[in-house]
């Protein structure tokens, strides 16, 4: 089987932790990525997710300050100083639509991957951030109490190209070496249940 365009796009859509300084992502681009999420499957078709695009420099700085990056890497600050993302999409579940947020974590994952594939196709890099201070972000963006943040997407123009490698001896921890970010992946045989 030959490699498809989709497979190439998926491989291109790696978590980026260093962004080109001075290259901004505009709000129209974020709206196009959010538009893609409208077409994704939704639990009970409730469409309980809401999205807050963030491009204002002050808001971007506040959201960035409320996130934590690259937990496996302890000896290097990521993103490096001056190489922060220039935009975010904050994904929220509207508790006025769905009081129980838990089922919508699946929807969040589907939307996040869809947006990231769209970002990769548009020439952007991004990173899904699950480690964040929700209260600080809600305050910075003036989000109402009915919105529970489920995930934060960091976006910008990548100035690194993470490389997929085969996991050795079950070690799946990503790492950096000589300025390159490596992402070990389990083999196909390791993930297929026989």
N, C-alpha and C. Protein backbone atom coordinates (compact mmCIF):
# COMPACT_ATOMS: atom_id res chain seq x y z
N UNK A 1 0.84 -1.18 0.00
CA UNK A 1 0.00 0.00 0.00
C UNK A 1 0.89 1.25 0.00
N UNK A 2 0.61 2.17 -0.89
CA UNK A 2 1.40 3.40 -0.94
C UNK A 2 0.93 4.37 0.13
N UNK A 3 1.81 5.28 0.45
CA UNK A 3 1.46 6.28 1.46
C UNK A 3 0.45 7.26 0.89
N UNK A 4 -0.58 7.51 1.65
CA UNK A 4 -1.63 8.43 1.21
C UNK A 4 -1.29 9.85 1.63
N UNK A 5 -2.03 10.78 1.04
CA UNK A 5 -1.89 12.18 1.46
C UNK A 5 -2.27 12.32 2.93
N UNK A 6 -3.30 11.56 3.37
CA UNK A 6 -3.72 11.63 4.76
C UNK A 6 -2.61 11.15 5.69
N UNK A 7 -1.96 10.04 5.34
CA UNK A 7 -0.86 9.53 6.17
C UNK A 7 0.26 10.56 6.25
N UNK A 8 0.60 11.17 5.14
CA UNK A 8 1.65 12.21 5.14
C UNK A 8 1.25 13.38 6.02
N UNK A 9 -0.01 13.78 5.93
CA UNK A 9 -0.49 14.90 6.75
C UNK A 9 -0.45 14.55 8.23
N UNK A 10 -0.85 13.33 8.58
CA UNK A 10 -0.81 12.89 9.98
C UNK A 10 0.61 12.90 10.50
N UNK A 11 1.55 12.42 9.71
CA UNK A 11 2.96 12.41 10.14
C UNK A 11 3.52 13.82 10.26
N UNK A 12 3.01 14.72 9.44
CA UNK A 12 3.46 16.13 9.49
C UNK A 12 2.90 16.83 10.73
N UNK A 13 1.76 16.36 11.21
CA UNK A 13 1.07 17.00 12.33
C UNK A 13 1.63 16.50 13.66
N UNK A 14 2.86 16.84 13.94
CA UNK A 14 3.54 16.47 15.19
C UNK A 14 3.38 17.59 16.20
N UNK A 15 3.52 17.27 17.47
CA UNK A 15 3.51 18.32 18.50
C UNK A 15 4.77 19.17 18.37
N UNK A 16 4.56 20.45 18.12
CA UNK A 16 5.66 21.39 17.94
C UNK A 16 5.83 22.19 19.22
N UNK A 17 7.07 22.38 19.64
CA UNK A 17 7.35 23.11 20.87
C UNK A 17 8.32 24.26 20.66
N UNK A 18 8.44 24.70 19.42
CA UNK A 18 9.26 25.86 19.10
C UNK A 18 8.68 26.49 17.83
N UNK A 19 8.40 27.79 17.93
CA UNK A 19 7.70 28.49 16.86
C UNK A 19 8.53 29.65 16.34
N UNK A 20 8.35 29.97 15.06
CA UNK A 20 9.10 31.05 14.42
C UNK A 20 8.72 32.39 15.03
N UNK A 21 9.72 33.13 15.54
CA UNK A 21 9.42 34.44 16.12
C UNK A 21 8.91 35.42 15.07
N UNK A 22 7.94 36.24 15.47
CA UNK A 22 7.46 37.30 14.61
C UNK A 22 6.46 36.88 13.55
N UNK A 23 6.17 35.60 13.42
CA UNK A 23 5.19 35.14 12.43
C UNK A 23 3.88 34.87 13.14
N UNK A 24 2.90 35.70 12.88
CA UNK A 24 1.61 35.63 13.58
C UNK A 24 0.59 34.80 12.81
N UNK A 25 -0.29 34.16 13.57
CA UNK A 25 -1.45 33.46 13.00
C UNK A 25 -2.64 34.40 13.17
N UNK A 26 -3.37 34.63 12.09
CA UNK A 26 -4.49 35.57 12.17
C UNK A 26 -5.77 34.88 12.62
N UNK A 27 -6.73 35.69 13.04
CA UNK A 27 -7.99 35.16 13.57
C UNK A 27 -8.80 34.44 12.51
N UNK A 28 -8.68 34.85 11.24
CA UNK A 28 -9.41 34.18 10.17
C UNK A 28 -8.94 32.73 10.02
N UNK A 29 -7.64 32.50 10.17
CA UNK A 29 -7.11 31.14 10.10
C UNK A 29 -7.65 30.30 11.23
N UNK A 30 -7.70 30.86 12.44
CA UNK A 30 -8.24 30.11 13.57
C UNK A 30 -9.72 29.80 13.34
N UNK A 31 -10.45 30.74 12.79
CA UNK A 31 -11.87 30.50 12.52
C UNK A 31 -12.06 29.38 11.50
N UNK A 32 -11.18 29.29 10.52
CA UNK A 32 -11.25 28.19 9.54
C UNK A 32 -11.00 26.85 10.22
N UNK A 33 -10.07 26.81 11.17
CA UNK A 33 -9.79 25.56 11.90
C UNK A 33 -10.99 25.20 12.78
N UNK A 34 -11.58 26.18 13.41
CA UNK A 34 -12.77 25.94 14.24
C UNK A 34 -13.94 25.48 13.36
N UNK A 35 -14.04 26.05 12.18
CA UNK A 35 -15.08 25.64 11.23
C UNK A 35 -14.98 24.14 10.93
N UNK A 36 -13.76 23.63 10.79
CA UNK A 36 -13.57 22.19 10.57
C UNK A 36 -14.20 21.38 11.69
N UNK A 37 -14.09 21.88 12.91
CA UNK A 37 -14.63 21.16 14.07
C UNK A 37 -16.15 21.06 14.03
N UNK A 38 -16.80 21.99 13.38
CA UNK A 38 -18.26 21.95 13.26
C UNK A 38 -18.74 20.66 12.58
N UNK A 39 -17.91 20.11 11.70
CA UNK A 39 -18.31 18.96 10.90
C UNK A 39 -17.96 17.62 11.53
N UNK A 40 -17.34 17.64 12.69
CA UNK A 40 -16.92 16.39 13.32
C UNK A 40 -18.08 15.73 14.07
N UNK A 41 -17.96 14.42 14.34
CA UNK A 41 -18.99 13.75 15.14
C UNK A 41 -19.08 14.37 16.53
N UNK A 42 -20.28 14.30 17.11
CA UNK A 42 -20.51 14.85 18.44
C UNK A 42 -21.39 13.89 19.23
N UNK A 43 -21.06 13.67 20.49
CA UNK A 43 -21.85 12.78 21.35
C UNK A 43 -23.30 13.23 21.36
N UNK A 44 -24.20 12.32 21.00
CA UNK A 44 -25.64 12.58 20.92
C UNK A 44 -25.95 13.79 20.03
N UNK A 45 -25.00 14.18 19.21
CA UNK A 45 -25.09 15.36 18.34
C UNK A 45 -25.45 16.63 19.12
N UNK A 46 -25.03 16.67 20.39
CA UNK A 46 -25.34 17.85 21.22
C UNK A 46 -24.50 19.07 20.84
N UNK A 47 -23.32 18.81 20.26
CA UNK A 47 -22.44 19.91 19.86
C UNK A 47 -22.20 20.86 21.04
N UNK A 48 -21.77 20.26 22.13
CA UNK A 48 -21.59 21.01 23.38
C UNK A 48 -20.27 21.77 23.46
N UNK A 49 -19.38 21.54 22.50
CA UNK A 49 -18.09 22.22 22.56
C UNK A 49 -18.18 23.62 21.98
N UNK A 50 -17.45 24.52 22.63
CA UNK A 50 -17.30 25.91 22.17
C UNK A 50 -15.80 26.18 22.09
N UNK A 51 -15.43 27.13 21.26
CA UNK A 51 -14.02 27.37 20.97
C UNK A 51 -13.71 28.86 21.11
N UNK A 52 -12.64 29.15 21.81
CA UNK A 52 -12.22 30.55 21.98
C UNK A 52 -10.91 30.76 21.24
N UNK A 53 -10.95 31.43 20.07
CA UNK A 53 -9.69 31.75 19.39
C UNK A 53 -8.95 32.85 20.15
N UNK A 54 -7.63 32.74 20.20
CA UNK A 54 -6.81 33.72 20.93
C UNK A 54 -5.67 34.17 20.01
N UNK A 55 -5.72 35.43 19.57
CA UNK A 55 -4.64 35.98 18.76
C UNK A 55 -4.09 37.29 19.32
N UNK A 56 -4.86 37.95 20.18
CA UNK A 56 -4.39 39.18 20.81
C UNK A 56 -3.12 38.90 21.61
N UNK A 57 -2.08 39.68 21.39
CA UNK A 57 -0.77 39.40 22.00
C UNK A 57 -0.82 39.30 23.52
N UNK A 58 -1.56 40.19 24.16
CA UNK A 58 -1.65 40.16 25.63
C UNK A 58 -2.36 38.89 26.10
N UNK A 59 -3.44 38.51 25.42
CA UNK A 59 -4.15 37.29 25.78
C UNK A 59 -3.30 36.05 25.50
N UNK A 60 -2.60 36.05 24.37
CA UNK A 60 -1.71 34.93 24.05
C UNK A 60 -0.68 34.76 25.17
N UNK A 61 -0.09 35.84 25.63
CA UNK A 61 0.91 35.78 26.70
C UNK A 61 0.30 35.23 27.99
N UNK A 62 -0.93 35.63 28.30
CA UNK A 62 -1.57 35.15 29.53
C UNK A 62 -1.92 33.66 29.44
N UNK A 63 -2.41 33.23 28.29
CA UNK A 63 -2.72 31.80 28.12
C UNK A 63 -1.42 31.00 28.18
N UNK A 64 -0.39 31.47 27.48
CA UNK A 64 0.89 30.77 27.50
C UNK A 64 1.41 30.62 28.93
N UNK A 65 1.31 31.67 29.72
CA UNK A 65 1.81 31.63 31.10
C UNK A 65 1.04 30.62 31.96
N UNK A 66 -0.15 30.23 31.52
CA UNK A 66 -0.97 29.29 32.29
C UNK A 66 -0.85 27.86 31.77
N UNK A 67 0.14 27.61 30.90
CA UNK A 67 0.34 26.26 30.35
C UNK A 67 1.68 25.69 30.77
N UNK A 68 1.76 24.36 30.74
CA UNK A 68 3.02 23.67 31.02
C UNK A 68 3.34 22.79 29.81
N UNK A 69 4.61 22.72 29.45
CA UNK A 69 5.02 22.08 28.21
C UNK A 69 6.05 20.98 28.45
N UNK A 70 5.98 19.93 27.62
CA UNK A 70 7.03 18.90 27.48
C UNK A 70 7.48 18.33 28.82
N UNK A 71 6.56 17.66 29.49
CA UNK A 71 6.83 17.12 30.82
C UNK A 71 8.02 16.17 30.91
N UNK A 72 8.32 15.45 29.85
CA UNK A 72 9.46 14.51 29.88
C UNK A 72 10.80 15.22 29.82
N UNK A 73 10.82 16.43 29.31
CA UNK A 73 12.09 17.13 29.11
C UNK A 73 12.33 18.08 30.27
N UNK A 74 13.32 17.77 31.07
CA UNK A 74 13.58 18.54 32.31
C UNK A 74 14.75 19.51 32.18
N UNK A 75 15.64 19.29 31.20
CA UNK A 75 16.86 20.08 31.13
C UNK A 75 16.82 21.21 30.10
N UNK A 76 15.63 21.48 29.54
CA UNK A 76 15.52 22.50 28.52
C UNK A 76 14.15 23.19 28.65
N UNK A 77 14.13 24.51 28.54
CA UNK A 77 12.86 25.24 28.59
C UNK A 77 12.22 25.18 27.21
N UNK A 78 10.99 24.68 27.19
CA UNK A 78 10.25 24.63 25.93
C UNK A 78 8.90 25.29 26.12
N UNK A 79 8.47 26.04 25.12
CA UNK A 79 9.25 26.54 24.00
C UNK A 79 10.41 27.41 24.47
N UNK A 80 11.48 27.48 23.65
CA UNK A 80 12.59 28.36 24.03
C UNK A 80 12.12 29.82 24.09
N UNK A 81 12.80 30.59 24.89
CA UNK A 81 12.48 32.02 25.01
C UNK A 81 12.43 32.66 23.63
N UNK A 82 11.34 33.37 23.34
CA UNK A 82 11.18 34.03 22.06
C UNK A 82 10.58 33.16 20.97
N UNK A 83 10.33 31.89 21.27
CA UNK A 83 9.79 30.96 20.28
C UNK A 83 8.44 30.39 20.73
N UNK A 84 7.66 31.22 21.40
CA UNK A 84 6.36 30.82 21.91
C UNK A 84 5.34 30.81 20.76
N UNK A 85 4.22 30.10 20.94
CA UNK A 85 3.17 30.12 19.92
C UNK A 85 2.58 31.52 19.79
N UNK A 86 2.03 31.82 18.62
CA UNK A 86 1.44 33.15 18.41
C UNK A 86 -0.07 33.13 18.51
N UNK A 87 -0.65 31.95 18.74
CA UNK A 87 -2.11 31.85 18.84
C UNK A 87 -2.49 30.60 19.62
N UNK A 88 -3.71 30.61 20.11
CA UNK A 88 -4.28 29.45 20.81
C UNK A 88 -5.73 29.28 20.39
N UNK A 89 -6.21 28.05 20.48
CA UNK A 89 -7.64 27.78 20.47
C UNK A 89 -7.93 27.08 21.79
N UNK A 90 -8.79 27.68 22.58
CA UNK A 90 -9.17 27.08 23.87
C UNK A 90 -10.50 26.36 23.64
N UNK A 91 -10.48 25.05 23.86
CA UNK A 91 -11.68 24.23 23.67
C UNK A 91 -12.40 24.09 25.00
N UNK A 92 -13.70 24.37 25.00
CA UNK A 92 -14.51 24.32 26.22
C UNK A 92 -15.76 23.48 25.98
N UNK A 93 -16.26 22.90 27.06
CA UNK A 93 -17.57 22.25 27.02
C UNK A 93 -18.55 23.19 27.69
N UNK A 94 -19.65 23.46 27.02
CA UNK A 94 -20.68 24.33 27.56
C UNK A 94 -21.60 23.51 28.45
N UNK A 95 -21.48 23.71 29.77
CA UNK A 95 -22.27 22.93 30.73
C UNK A 95 -23.74 23.29 30.70
N UNK A 96 -24.11 24.37 30.02
CA UNK A 96 -25.53 24.67 29.81
C UNK A 96 -26.14 23.71 28.79
N UNK A 97 -25.30 23.15 27.94
CA UNK A 97 -25.75 22.16 26.95
C UNK A 97 -25.59 20.76 27.51
N UNK A 98 -24.47 20.50 28.18
CA UNK A 98 -24.18 19.17 28.72
C UNK A 98 -23.56 19.33 30.11
N UNK A 99 -24.35 19.10 31.13
CA UNK A 99 -23.87 19.28 32.51
C UNK A 99 -22.73 18.34 32.84
N UNK A 100 -22.75 17.12 32.28
CA UNK A 100 -21.68 16.15 32.50
C UNK A 100 -20.66 16.30 31.37
N UNK A 101 -19.51 16.85 31.69
CA UNK A 101 -18.49 17.15 30.69
C UNK A 101 -17.75 15.89 30.21
N UNK A 102 -17.67 14.86 31.04
CA UNK A 102 -16.85 13.68 30.75
C UNK A 102 -17.07 13.06 29.37
N UNK A 103 -18.31 12.82 28.93
CA UNK A 103 -18.47 12.23 27.60
C UNK A 103 -17.91 13.11 26.48
N UNK A 104 -17.75 14.38 26.74
CA UNK A 104 -17.31 15.29 25.70
C UNK A 104 -15.79 15.42 25.61
N UNK A 105 -15.07 14.65 26.46
CA UNK A 105 -13.63 14.55 26.27
C UNK A 105 -13.33 13.85 24.95
N UNK A 106 -14.18 12.89 24.56
CA UNK A 106 -14.00 12.23 23.26
C UNK A 106 -14.19 13.24 22.14
N UNK A 107 -15.24 14.03 22.25
CA UNK A 107 -15.49 15.05 21.25
C UNK A 107 -14.31 16.03 21.17
N UNK A 108 -13.77 16.36 22.33
CA UNK A 108 -12.61 17.27 22.38
C UNK A 108 -11.45 16.69 21.58
N UNK A 109 -11.17 15.40 21.78
CA UNK A 109 -10.07 14.76 21.06
C UNK A 109 -10.29 14.75 19.56
N UNK A 110 -11.52 14.46 19.16
CA UNK A 110 -11.84 14.44 17.73
C UNK A 110 -11.64 15.84 17.14
N UNK A 111 -12.15 16.85 17.82
CA UNK A 111 -12.02 18.23 17.33
C UNK A 111 -10.57 18.68 17.32
N UNK A 112 -9.84 18.35 18.37
CA UNK A 112 -8.44 18.78 18.46
C UNK A 112 -7.62 18.18 17.32
N UNK A 113 -7.80 16.89 17.07
CA UNK A 113 -7.04 16.25 15.99
C UNK A 113 -7.44 16.84 14.63
N UNK A 114 -8.72 17.09 14.45
CA UNK A 114 -9.19 17.68 13.20
C UNK A 114 -8.57 19.06 13.00
N UNK A 115 -8.58 19.88 14.04
CA UNK A 115 -7.99 21.22 13.94
C UNK A 115 -6.49 21.15 13.67
N UNK A 116 -5.81 20.22 14.32
CA UNK A 116 -4.37 20.09 14.12
C UNK A 116 -4.03 19.61 12.71
N UNK A 117 -4.85 18.72 12.16
CA UNK A 117 -4.63 18.30 10.77
C UNK A 117 -4.85 19.48 9.83
N UNK A 118 -5.88 20.26 10.11
CA UNK A 118 -6.12 21.47 9.32
C UNK A 118 -4.97 22.45 9.44
N UNK A 119 -4.43 22.58 10.64
CA UNK A 119 -3.28 23.47 10.85
C UNK A 119 -2.08 22.99 10.05
N UNK A 120 -1.81 21.70 10.09
CA UNK A 120 -0.68 21.15 9.34
C UNK A 120 -0.85 21.38 7.84
N UNK A 121 -2.08 21.19 7.37
CA UNK A 121 -2.35 21.41 5.95
C UNK A 121 -2.14 22.88 5.58
N UNK A 122 -2.41 23.78 6.52
CA UNK A 122 -2.24 25.22 6.29
C UNK A 122 -0.80 25.70 6.51
N UNK A 123 0.10 24.78 6.82
CA UNK A 123 1.50 25.15 7.02
C UNK A 123 1.83 25.60 8.43
N UNK A 124 0.92 25.34 9.38
CA UNK A 124 1.15 25.71 10.78
C UNK A 124 1.64 24.52 11.58
N UNK A 125 2.26 24.82 12.70
CA UNK A 125 2.60 23.81 13.69
C UNK A 125 1.76 24.03 14.91
N UNK A 126 1.62 23.00 15.71
CA UNK A 126 0.81 23.16 16.92
C UNK A 126 1.11 22.11 17.95
N UNK A 127 0.52 22.29 19.11
CA UNK A 127 0.69 21.35 20.20
C UNK A 127 -0.59 21.35 21.03
N UNK A 128 -1.09 20.15 21.31
CA UNK A 128 -2.24 20.01 22.20
C UNK A 128 -1.71 20.07 23.63
N UNK A 129 -2.26 20.99 24.42
CA UNK A 129 -1.78 21.20 25.79
C UNK A 129 -2.86 20.73 26.76
N UNK A 130 -2.54 19.68 27.50
CA UNK A 130 -3.46 19.17 28.51
C UNK A 130 -3.12 19.63 29.90
N UNK A 131 -1.94 20.23 30.04
CA UNK A 131 -1.49 20.70 31.35
C UNK A 131 -1.61 22.23 31.38
N UNK A 132 -2.67 22.70 32.04
CA UNK A 132 -2.93 24.14 32.06
C UNK A 132 -3.70 24.50 33.33
N UNK A 133 -3.62 25.76 33.69
CA UNK A 133 -4.36 26.30 34.83
C UNK A 133 -5.65 26.90 34.29
N UNK A 134 -6.73 26.13 34.39
CA UNK A 134 -8.01 26.53 33.81
C UNK A 134 -8.51 27.85 34.40
N UNK A 135 -8.35 28.02 35.70
CA UNK A 135 -8.85 29.25 36.33
C UNK A 135 -8.15 30.49 35.79
N UNK A 136 -6.83 30.41 35.62
CA UNK A 136 -6.08 31.55 35.08
C UNK A 136 -6.51 31.86 33.65
N UNK A 137 -6.72 30.81 32.85
CA UNK A 137 -7.13 31.03 31.45
C UNK A 137 -8.54 31.62 31.41
N UNK A 138 -9.44 31.06 32.22
CA UNK A 138 -10.81 31.58 32.23
C UNK A 138 -10.83 33.05 32.62
N UNK A 139 -10.03 33.44 33.61
CA UNK A 139 -9.96 34.83 34.03
C UNK A 139 -9.36 35.70 32.93
N UNK A 140 -8.26 35.25 32.33
CA UNK A 140 -7.58 36.03 31.29
C UNK A 140 -8.50 36.28 30.09
N UNK A 141 -9.34 35.30 29.76
CA UNK A 141 -10.18 35.41 28.57
C UNK A 141 -11.61 35.83 28.89
N UNK A 142 -11.92 35.99 30.17
CA UNK A 142 -13.27 36.39 30.56
C UNK A 142 -14.32 35.34 30.23
N UNK A 143 -13.95 34.06 30.37
CA UNK A 143 -14.89 32.98 30.07
C UNK A 143 -15.92 32.83 31.19
N UNK A 144 -17.15 32.57 30.82
CA UNK A 144 -18.22 32.42 31.81
C UNK A 144 -18.12 31.08 32.53
N UNK A 145 -18.78 30.99 33.68
CA UNK A 145 -18.69 29.81 34.54
C UNK A 145 -19.23 28.54 33.89
N UNK A 146 -20.13 28.67 32.93
CA UNK A 146 -20.69 27.48 32.28
C UNK A 146 -19.72 26.83 31.30
N UNK A 147 -18.60 27.48 31.02
CA UNK A 147 -17.61 26.93 30.08
C UNK A 147 -16.48 26.25 30.84
N UNK A 148 -16.35 24.94 30.65
CA UNK A 148 -15.25 24.20 31.26
C UNK A 148 -14.21 23.89 30.20
N UNK A 149 -12.99 24.35 30.43
CA UNK A 149 -11.91 24.15 29.46
C UNK A 149 -11.53 22.67 29.47
N UNK A 150 -11.52 22.07 28.27
CA UNK A 150 -11.15 20.66 28.16
C UNK A 150 -9.77 20.46 27.51
N UNK A 151 -9.32 21.41 26.71
CA UNK A 151 -8.01 21.29 26.06
C UNK A 151 -7.62 22.65 25.49
N UNK A 152 -6.32 22.87 25.37
CA UNK A 152 -5.79 24.10 24.79
C UNK A 152 -4.90 23.72 23.61
N UNK A 153 -5.13 24.34 22.46
CA UNK A 153 -4.32 24.11 21.28
C UNK A 153 -3.42 25.31 21.06
N UNK A 154 -2.11 25.08 21.07
CA UNK A 154 -1.14 26.13 20.78
C UNK A 154 -0.81 26.07 19.30
N UNK A 155 -0.74 27.23 18.65
CA UNK A 155 -0.51 27.27 17.21
C UNK A 155 0.47 28.36 16.83
N UNK A 156 1.17 28.13 15.75
CA UNK A 156 2.12 29.09 15.21
C UNK A 156 2.81 28.49 14.01
N UNK A 157 3.81 29.18 13.50
CA UNK A 157 4.61 28.65 12.40
C UNK A 157 5.80 27.94 13.02
N UNK A 158 5.89 26.65 12.81
CA UNK A 158 6.93 25.83 13.44
C UNK A 158 8.31 26.24 12.95
N UNK A 159 9.27 26.26 13.87
CA UNK A 159 10.66 26.40 13.45
C UNK A 159 11.46 25.18 13.88
N UNK A 160 10.74 24.06 14.02
CA UNK A 160 11.37 22.76 14.24
C UNK A 160 10.50 21.73 13.52
N UNK A 161 11.09 20.57 13.25
CA UNK A 161 10.36 19.49 12.59
C UNK A 161 10.58 18.20 13.37
N UNK A 162 9.71 17.94 14.36
CA UNK A 162 9.86 16.72 15.16
C UNK A 162 9.91 15.47 14.26
N UNK A 163 10.70 14.51 14.66
CA UNK A 163 10.92 13.31 13.87
C UNK A 163 10.37 12.08 14.58
N UNK A 164 9.59 11.28 13.86
CA UNK A 164 9.06 10.03 14.40
C UNK A 164 10.13 8.96 14.27
N UNK A 165 10.35 8.23 15.36
CA UNK A 165 11.28 7.10 15.35
C UNK A 165 10.59 5.90 15.99
N UNK A 166 11.15 4.71 15.80
CA UNK A 166 10.61 3.51 16.42
C UNK A 166 10.97 3.49 17.91
N UNK A 167 9.99 3.13 18.73
CA UNK A 167 10.23 2.98 20.17
C UNK A 167 11.13 1.77 20.40
N UNK A 168 12.09 1.91 21.27
CA UNK A 168 13.01 0.81 21.61
C UNK A 168 12.71 0.32 23.02
N UNK A 169 12.55 -0.96 23.17
CA UNK A 169 12.32 -1.59 24.48
C UNK A 169 11.15 -0.95 25.22
N UNK A 170 10.12 -0.55 24.49
CA UNK A 170 8.92 0.01 25.12
C UNK A 170 9.06 1.44 25.60
N UNK A 171 10.21 2.08 25.36
CA UNK A 171 10.42 3.45 25.81
C UNK A 171 9.75 4.42 24.83
N UNK A 172 8.69 5.08 25.29
CA UNK A 172 7.94 5.99 24.43
C UNK A 172 8.16 7.46 24.79
N UNK A 173 9.11 7.73 25.68
CA UNK A 173 9.36 9.12 26.08
C UNK A 173 10.04 9.89 24.95
N UNK A 174 9.40 11.00 24.55
CA UNK A 174 10.01 11.85 23.54
C UNK A 174 11.25 12.52 24.15
N UNK A 175 12.17 12.93 23.30
CA UNK A 175 13.40 13.54 23.78
C UNK A 175 13.96 14.47 22.71
N UNK A 176 14.93 15.28 23.14
CA UNK A 176 15.61 16.19 22.22
C UNK A 176 17.09 15.84 22.20
N UNK A 177 17.66 15.92 21.00
CA UNK A 177 19.09 15.65 20.85
C UNK A 177 19.60 16.52 19.70
N UNK A 178 20.65 17.28 19.97
CA UNK A 178 21.24 18.17 18.96
C UNK A 178 20.19 19.08 18.33
N UNK A 179 19.29 19.61 19.15
CA UNK A 179 18.29 20.55 18.67
C UNK A 179 17.11 19.93 17.94
N UNK A 180 17.07 18.62 17.83
CA UNK A 180 15.97 17.94 17.14
C UNK A 180 15.08 17.23 18.16
N UNK A 181 13.79 17.26 17.93
CA UNK A 181 12.81 16.62 18.82
C UNK A 181 12.44 15.27 18.22
N UNK A 182 12.60 14.20 19.00
CA UNK A 182 12.31 12.84 18.54
C UNK A 182 11.11 12.29 19.29
N UNK A 183 10.22 11.62 18.54
CA UNK A 183 8.99 11.08 19.10
C UNK A 183 8.93 9.57 18.83
N UNK A 184 9.25 8.74 19.84
CA UNK A 184 9.18 7.30 19.64
C UNK A 184 7.74 6.80 19.55
N UNK A 185 7.48 5.94 18.57
CA UNK A 185 6.16 5.34 18.39
C UNK A 185 6.28 3.82 18.43
N UNK A 186 5.32 3.20 19.10
CA UNK A 186 5.28 1.73 19.14
C UNK A 186 5.07 1.20 17.73
N UNK A 187 5.55 -0.02 17.48
CA UNK A 187 5.40 -0.63 16.15
C UNK A 187 3.96 -1.06 15.93
N UNK A 188 3.61 -1.32 14.68
CA UNK A 188 2.28 -1.79 14.34
C UNK A 188 1.99 -3.11 15.04
N UNK A 189 2.98 -4.01 15.09
CA UNK A 189 2.80 -5.28 15.78
C UNK A 189 2.50 -5.09 17.26
N UNK A 190 3.07 -4.04 17.85
CA UNK A 190 2.86 -3.79 19.29
C UNK A 190 1.46 -3.28 19.59
N UNK A 191 0.79 -2.68 18.61
CA UNK A 191 -0.52 -2.09 18.92
C UNK A 191 -1.70 -2.90 18.40
N UNK A 192 -1.44 -3.91 17.57
CA UNK A 192 -2.52 -4.75 17.07
C UNK A 192 -2.72 -5.91 18.04
N UNK A 193 -3.96 -6.08 18.50
CA UNK A 193 -4.30 -7.20 19.38
C UNK A 193 -4.59 -8.40 18.51
N UNK A 194 -3.87 -9.49 18.79
CA UNK A 194 -4.04 -10.72 17.97
C UNK A 194 -4.71 -11.82 18.77
